[in-house]
Each structure stands twice: as structure tokens, then as C-alpha cells.
Amino acid sequence: MKFQRSTLILAIAAIILAGGVYIFEIRGKARQEEIQAKQDQIFDVSKDDIQSLTIQTEDKTLKIERVGEDETDAKSPWKLIEPVQSPANLARVDGVLNQLVTSQSNPSDPDSGVRSLTLSKSELSDYGLEDSKNIIDIQLKDNTKHRLILGTSDFTGNSIYAIADPPETFPEQVAILVISEGAIDAISPPLEEWQLAEEPEETPEPEAEQPQESSPSPTPETPQ
């Protein structure tokens, strides 16, 4: 009888354990399926349609406007408006815009791409999204505006959390994105790296002085 009771207890414990594993796996699978809802890019717009962008970080605010149509324009098609006025470094501007409007999917990496996740409003601070200082605003040529708020890194360290086009007041359930950490890297360089380096003016080399030909000395006259 004692043996049967022990066997029964072990059987019940096994059932409880199996149930817990099942629930954990089901919840984990649901979470995984949720986070794997993907899109190729953050904003479905063309880079050529962007007229201006504003970048905010902990230590700076940059305002950059398009002043030309393409990369063949003199110096740069972008101009830094604030905090100083200067032709903008095209490579730095493109680095930001590529993060926003080009595909982040890599066929060889199933975890790449822009992934979505739903949080409760109370969890935003845990993801660095409640009072973030890292914000990118873009304005299109038709005056449409988009905003991207950048949060903290995820557990892998290769991605960060973000919110695209946040509402003025967050609802109880908030859709956030998991994007490449390249977005935070793209806005981090100091101000001087956003300014187009001026090419030094070429100073013409002085012409070498030509040696003057000495005139022959007059031959003294011989007295007659």
C-alpha cells in the first residue's frame, strides 16, 4: 500500500511538471511568433522623398535640410542648419537614412529585419522608451512627418528597441519595434563629423627665378 501511494505521488508530480513544461513551451512559442512579425524597413518611404531630418541625442540636436537633388551636387546635397550652418557630411546623413528606409532583412540571418512586439504602457520605461533622448524626425517633400524613438539594447546586444510614429498619448498596449543597433550608432558621432570637411585651398607654388645672364664686360681700349 505504501509503495502504491509513493507511485501515485510520483505520477502526480510528473503530470504537474509536464503541465508546467507544456505551458512554458506554449507561451514561449506564442512570444516567439509574436516577435517574428516582421517588416523589411522601418518607414516605407523613398530616401529621395526626404526633405529634412532632425536628430536628437543626449549631447546634441542636429537639423539637416536637403539643398540639392542628388549626390552630384556641388559639395553635398545636404546642409547642416543647426547648431551651425555648414555643408553636411553626405556619408553621415546617408548612414541615418539607410537605417530608416532601406531593408534590414538578410536572407542568411533569420533573425534579421524589423521585428514587432507589443508591450503594456507601464513597461515602456524598462525598454528605454518612456523618456528617451535619442530621437530621429524626418519630413518628406510633401510635408509628411515621421518620428523614431530609440530605446535600450535587447538581450543580444545586437538590436535595440524603438517606437515608430508614436501617438501623443500612449494606449494601454503599445506596439514597439526591434531594430538593428546600427540606428543608434548612426546618430552617435560628434558634431564635427557631421560637417563636410573643407578641402584645403591649393597654394600655387612660386615660380623659380630664372638666373639672369651676365652681360660681357666692355673690352678696354688700347691706346694708339
Protein backbone atom coordinates (compact mmCIF):
# COMPACT_ATOMS: atom_id res chain seq x y z
CA MET A 1 0.00 0.00 0.00
CA LYS A 2 2.86 2.34 0.86
CA PHE A 3 4.51 1.50 -2.47
CA GLN A 4 1.31 2.33 -4.36
CA ARG A 5 0.98 5.66 -2.54
CA SER A 6 4.56 6.64 -3.45
CA THR A 7 3.95 5.67 -7.04
CA LEU A 8 0.79 7.78 -7.11
CA ILE A 9 2.62 10.80 -5.69
CA LEU A 10 5.38 10.44 -8.27
CA ALA A 11 2.81 10.16 -11.06
CA ILE A 12 1.02 13.31 -9.91
CA ALA A 13 4.32 15.18 -9.66
CA ALA A 14 5.22 14.07 -13.20
CA ILE A 15 1.87 15.30 -14.52
CA ILE A 16 2.30 18.68 -12.82
CA LEU A 17 5.85 19.00 -14.18
CA ALA A 18 4.76 18.05 -17.68
CA GLY A 19 1.93 20.58 -17.50
CA GLY A 20 4.33 23.31 -16.46
CA VAL A 21 6.72 22.50 -19.30
CA TYR A 22 3.82 22.46 -21.75
CA ILE A 23 2.56 25.86 -20.59
CA PHE A 24 6.09 27.30 -20.73
CA GLU A 25 6.63 25.98 -24.24
CA ILE A 26 3.24 27.23 -25.46
CA ARG A 27 3.81 30.69 -24.02
CA GLY A 28 7.35 30.80 -25.34
CA LYS A 29 6.20 29.76 -28.79
CA ALA A 30 3.48 32.42 -28.78
CA ARG A 31 6.02 35.06 -27.74
CA GLN A 32 8.40 33.91 -30.46
CA GLU A 33 5.67 34.02 -33.09
CA GLU A 34 4.70 37.48 -31.89
CA ILE A 35 8.19 38.90 -32.13
CA GLN A 36 8.75 37.35 -35.54
CA ALA A 37 6.10 39.52 -37.15
CA LYS A 38 8.50 41.35 -39.43
CA GLN A 39 8.79 44.11 -41.94
CA ASP A 40 11.70 44.91 -44.20
CA GLN A 41 12.15 48.56 -43.28
CA ILE A 42 11.09 50.99 -40.60
CA PHE A 43 9.41 53.59 -42.82
CA ASP A 44 8.01 52.72 -46.22
CA VAL A 45 9.29 55.83 -47.99
CA SER A 46 11.97 56.60 -50.54
CA LYS A 47 15.17 58.28 -49.44
CA ASP A 48 14.79 60.71 -52.34
CA ASP A 49 11.48 61.94 -50.85
CA ILE A 50 13.06 63.08 -47.59
CA GLN A 51 13.47 66.85 -47.35
CA SER A 52 14.87 67.26 -43.85
CA LEU A 53 15.80 65.39 -40.69
CA THR A 54 16.32 66.30 -37.06
CA ILE A 55 18.50 64.18 -34.79
CA GLN A 56 18.36 64.43 -31.01
CA THR A 57 20.78 62.72 -28.63
CA GLU A 58 21.92 63.28 -25.06
CA ASP A 59 24.53 65.84 -26.12
CA LYS A 60 23.31 67.44 -29.34
CA THR A 61 20.44 68.38 -31.64
CA LEU A 62 21.13 68.48 -35.38
CA LYS A 63 18.86 69.92 -38.07
CA ILE A 64 19.74 68.99 -41.62
CA GLU A 65 17.97 70.05 -44.83
CA ARG A 66 18.20 68.97 -48.43
CA VAL A 67 19.59 71.72 -50.64
CA GLY A 68 20.28 69.69 -53.78
CA GLU A 69 18.72 66.83 -55.67
CA ASP A 70 21.47 64.21 -55.78
CA GLU A 71 24.99 63.33 -54.82
CA THR A 72 26.43 65.08 -57.87
CA ASP A 73 25.52 68.50 -56.48
CA ALA A 74 28.37 70.73 -55.50
CA LYS A 75 29.90 69.75 -52.17
CA SER A 76 26.82 68.00 -50.67
CA PRO A 77 23.06 67.82 -51.32
CA TRP A 78 22.53 68.28 -47.55
CA LYS A 79 23.14 71.29 -45.35
CA LEU A 80 23.56 71.37 -41.60
CA ILE A 81 21.26 74.15 -40.30
CA GLU A 82 21.64 73.79 -36.53
CA PRO A 83 23.61 74.16 -34.33
CA VAL A 84 25.92 75.55 -37.05
CA GLN A 85 25.47 76.19 -40.74
CA SER A 86 27.69 74.09 -42.93
CA PRO A 87 27.53 71.62 -45.82
CA ALA A 88 26.65 68.27 -44.24
CA ASN A 89 28.73 65.12 -44.49
CA LEU A 90 26.85 63.03 -47.06
CA ALA A 91 28.13 59.74 -45.65
CA ARG A 92 26.77 60.55 -42.17
CA VAL A 93 23.35 61.62 -43.48
CA ASP A 94 23.07 58.54 -45.69
CA GLY A 95 24.05 56.37 -42.75
CA VAL A 96 20.98 57.54 -40.83
CA LEU A 97 18.56 57.45 -43.76
CA ASN A 98 19.64 53.96 -44.77
CA GLN A 99 18.68 52.73 -41.30
CA LEU A 100 15.21 54.23 -41.68
CA VAL A 101 14.14 53.45 -45.23
CA THR A 102 16.20 50.56 -46.61
CA SER A 103 15.69 46.86 -45.99
CA GLN A 104 17.22 45.43 -42.83
CA SER A 105 16.50 41.84 -43.82
CA ASN A 106 19.33 39.44 -44.51
CA PRO A 107 18.35 36.12 -46.17
CA SER A 108 21.19 34.33 -44.39
CA ASP A 109 20.06 35.56 -40.96
CA PRO A 110 16.53 34.51 -39.95
CA ASP A 111 16.60 36.93 -37.01
CA SER A 112 17.33 39.97 -39.18
CA GLY A 113 14.75 42.51 -40.26
CA VAL A 114 12.47 44.82 -38.32
CA ARG A 115 10.54 42.83 -35.73
CA SER A 116 7.49 43.94 -33.79
CA LEU A 117 6.49 43.40 -30.20
CA THR A 118 3.55 44.53 -28.06
CA LEU A 119 4.08 45.87 -24.53
CA SER A 120 1.89 47.36 -21.86
CA LYS A 121 2.33 51.11 -21.38
CA SER A 122 3.82 50.53 -17.93
CA GLU A 123 6.70 48.53 -19.46
CA LEU A 124 7.98 51.29 -21.75
CA SER A 125 10.49 52.57 -19.20
CA ASP A 126 12.02 49.08 -18.95
CA TYR A 127 12.86 49.31 -22.65
CA GLY A 128 14.23 52.86 -22.52
CA LEU A 129 11.27 54.23 -24.47
CA GLU A 130 9.43 56.39 -21.94
CA ASP A 131 11.78 59.38 -21.75
CA SER A 132 14.31 58.59 -24.45
CA LYS A 133 16.73 61.32 -25.51
CA ASN A 134 17.56 59.58 -28.81
CA ILE A 135 15.02 60.64 -31.42
CA ILE A 136 15.05 60.93 -35.23
CA ASP A 137 12.48 63.07 -37.06
CA ILE A 138 12.16 63.18 -40.83
CA GLN A 139 9.99 65.37 -43.03
CA LEU A 140 9.14 64.46 -46.61
CA LYS A 141 8.86 66.82 -49.55
CA ASP A 142 5.04 66.62 -49.23
CA ASN A 143 5.38 67.72 -45.55
CA THR A 144 4.54 64.26 -44.16
CA LYS A 145 6.43 63.69 -40.90
CA HIS A 146 7.75 60.54 -39.24
CA ARG A 147 9.42 60.03 -35.87
CA LEU A 148 11.54 57.21 -34.49
CA ILE A 149 12.25 56.95 -30.75
CA LEU A 150 15.24 54.77 -29.86
CA GLY A 151 15.43 52.78 -26.63
CA THR A 152 17.86 50.39 -24.97
CA SER A 153 19.56 47.30 -26.38
CA ASP A 154 17.85 43.93 -26.32
CA PHE A 155 19.33 40.90 -24.58
CA THR A 156 21.52 40.03 -27.60
CA GLY A 157 23.22 43.42 -27.70
CA ASN A 158 22.82 43.44 -31.49
CA SER A 159 19.41 45.13 -31.62
CA ILE A 160 17.62 47.97 -29.91
CA TYR A 161 14.01 48.71 -29.08
CA ALA A 162 12.23 51.56 -30.86
CA ILE A 163 8.84 53.16 -31.47
CA ALA A 164 7.90 54.43 -34.92
CA ASP A 165 5.43 57.31 -35.21
CA PRO A 166 4.39 57.32 -31.53
CA PRO A 167 0.95 58.70 -30.65
CA GLU A 168 0.65 61.81 -28.49
CA THR A 169 -0.80 59.65 -25.70
CA PHE A 170 0.16 56.01 -25.41
CA PRO A 171 -2.66 53.45 -25.20
CA GLU A 172 -2.55 50.62 -22.67
CA GLN A 173 -0.97 48.31 -25.28
CA VAL A 174 1.90 49.77 -27.31
CA ALA A 175 3.46 48.34 -30.47
CA ILE A 176 7.24 48.67 -30.48
CA LEU A 177 9.98 47.55 -32.89
CA VAL A 178 13.19 45.59 -32.51
CA ILE A 179 15.68 47.06 -34.99
CA SER A 180 19.38 46.99 -35.77
CA GLU A 181 21.71 48.69 -33.30
CA GLY A 182 23.08 50.46 -36.36
CA ALA A 183 20.42 53.13 -35.85
CA ILE A 184 21.94 54.30 -32.56
CA ASP A 185 25.46 54.04 -33.99
CA ALA A 186 24.42 56.20 -36.95
CA ILE A 187 23.37 59.17 -34.79
CA SER A 188 26.17 58.96 -32.21
CA PRO A 189 29.12 60.71 -33.95
CA PRO A 190 30.07 64.16 -32.58
CA LEU A 191 29.09 67.38 -34.33
CA GLU A 192 32.35 67.84 -36.22
CA GLU A 193 31.83 64.54 -38.05
CA TRP A 194 28.52 65.80 -39.46
CA GLN A 195 30.20 68.76 -41.11
CA LEU A 196 31.69 68.32 -44.54
CA ALA A 197 35.42 68.67 -44.26
CA GLU A 198 36.62 71.64 -46.26
CA GLU A 199 39.23 70.87 -48.83
CA PRO A 200 42.36 72.94 -48.25
CA GLU A 201 42.92 75.59 -50.88
CA GLU A 202 45.82 74.85 -53.12
CA THR A 203 48.52 77.46 -52.82
CA PRO A 204 50.31 77.95 -56.12
CA GLU A 205 53.98 77.26 -55.92
CA PRO A 206 56.13 80.30 -56.58
CA GLU A 207 57.85 80.22 -59.94
CA ALA A 208 61.53 79.59 -59.75
CA GLU A 209 63.56 82.66 -60.58
CA GLN A 210 65.43 82.39 -63.83
CA PRO A 211 69.15 83.20 -63.48
CA GLN A 212 70.00 86.48 -65.17
CA GLU A 213 72.55 86.32 -67.97
CA SER A 214 75.53 88.49 -67.18
CA SER A 215 76.41 90.98 -69.92
CA PRO A 216 80.02 90.80 -71.17
CA SER A 217 82.41 93.36 -69.66
CA PRO A 218 83.50 96.06 -72.11
CA THR A 219 86.93 95.50 -73.59
CA PRO A 220 89.27 98.30 -72.58
CA GLU A 221 90.54 100.38 -75.50
CA THR A 222 94.20 100.00 -76.37
CA PRO A 223 95.98 103.36 -76.63
CA GLN A 224 97.21 104.12 -80.14
